[in-house]
Protein backbone atom coordinates (compact mmCIF):
# COMPACT_ATOMS: atom_id res chain seq x y z
CA UNK A 1 -0.33 -0.08 -0.05
CA UNK A 2 1.25 3.44 -0.98
CA UNK A 3 4.70 2.03 -1.60
CA UNK A 4 7.22 -0.70 -3.04
CA UNK A 5 7.77 -3.95 -1.46
CA UNK A 6 11.20 -5.21 -1.31
CA UNK A 7 12.59 -8.70 -0.29
CA UNK A 8 15.86 -10.23 0.53
CA UNK A 9 17.00 -13.44 1.09
CA UNK A 10 20.29 -14.87 2.58
CA UNK A 11 21.49 -18.34 2.34
CA UNK A 12 23.52 -20.92 4.18
CA UNK A 13 26.44 -22.57 2.28
CA UNK A 14 24.28 -25.74 2.38
CA UNK A 15 21.62 -23.79 0.39
CA UNK A 16 19.39 -23.68 3.08
CA UNK A 17 17.39 -20.38 3.57
CA UNK A 18 19.29 -18.05 6.53
CA UNK A 19 17.00 -15.23 6.46
CA UNK A 20 14.39 -13.17 4.50
CA UNK A 21 13.71 -9.79 4.91
CA UNK A 22 10.49 -7.88 3.68
CA UNK A 23 9.79 -4.01 3.72
CA UNK A 24 7.58 -1.46 2.37
CA UNK A 25 9.70 1.02 1.23
CA UNK A 26 7.33 3.75 2.19
CA UNK A 27 9.11 6.07 4.14
CA UNK A 28 8.11 7.97 7.17
CA UNK A 29 8.64 11.39 7.69
CA UNK A 30 12.19 10.63 9.42
CA UNK A 31 13.21 8.93 6.32
CA UNK A 32 12.90 5.34 7.76
CA UNK A 33 11.04 2.59 6.17
CA UNK A 34 7.70 2.18 7.77
CA UNK A 35 7.38 -1.30 8.41
CA UNK A 36 9.87 -4.27 7.99
CA UNK A 37 9.70 -7.83 8.79
CA UNK A 38 12.83 -10.19 8.91
CA UNK A 39 12.48 -14.05 9.20
CA UNK A 40 15.34 -16.08 10.56
CA UNK A 41 16.06 -19.84 9.97
CA UNK A 42 18.55 -22.22 11.34
CA UNK A 43 20.87 -24.45 9.15
CA UNK A 44 18.19 -26.98 8.79
CA UNK A 45 15.60 -24.59 7.24
CA UNK A 46 13.71 -24.27 10.21
CA UNK A 47 12.13 -20.83 11.47
CA UNK A 48 13.84 -19.60 14.76
CA UNK A 49 12.33 -16.16 15.13
CA UNK A 50 10.45 -13.15 13.24
CA UNK A 51 10.95 -9.53 14.01
CA UNK A 52 8.86 -6.91 13.05
CA UNK A 53 9.96 -3.19 13.08
CA UNK A 54 8.17 0.20 12.57
CA UNK A 55 9.98 3.24 12.12
CA UNK A 56 13.27 1.42 12.36
CA UNK A 57 12.31 0.35 15.92
CA UNK A 58 11.67 -3.14 17.13
CA UNK A 59 7.91 -3.83 17.73
CA UNK A 60 7.70 -7.38 18.09
CA UNK A 61 9.64 -10.30 18.02
CA UNK A 62 8.08 -14.15 17.72
CA UNK A 63 10.61 -17.04 18.79
CA UNK A 64 10.04 -20.47 17.49
CA UNK A 65 11.43 -23.80 18.51
CA UNK A 66 12.09 -26.06 15.82
CA UNK A 67 9.78 -24.28 13.75
CA UNK A 68 7.04 -23.98 16.32
CA UNK A 69 5.76 -21.00 18.02
CA UNK A 70 7.27 -20.56 21.22
CA UNK A 71 6.24 -16.82 22.67
CA UNK A 72 6.04 -13.42 21.45
CA UNK A 73 7.36 -9.85 22.91
CA UNK A 74 5.87 -6.92 22.09
CA UNK A 75 7.75 -3.41 22.32
CA UNK A 76 6.42 0.01 23.09
CA UNK A 77 6.06 1.65 19.90
CA UNK A 78 6.31 5.53 19.57
CA UNK A 79 6.14 7.48 16.40
């Protein structure tokens, strides 16, 4: 919505995905990306965590154990 979507993937030497970064390139008034999501994977390809940032600041972090949801942390967000 109102911007371009960017995606960046990184891989381990074994060919498995290491991380995927998604961002809405629509910038806020301070020149920061409004929203980004980064997913992190272990060397076996299992999801380990997911971070959501708003305005460059960490908004939430979800932690997974062997690809299964474990817990979520929500952080105070101020514009």
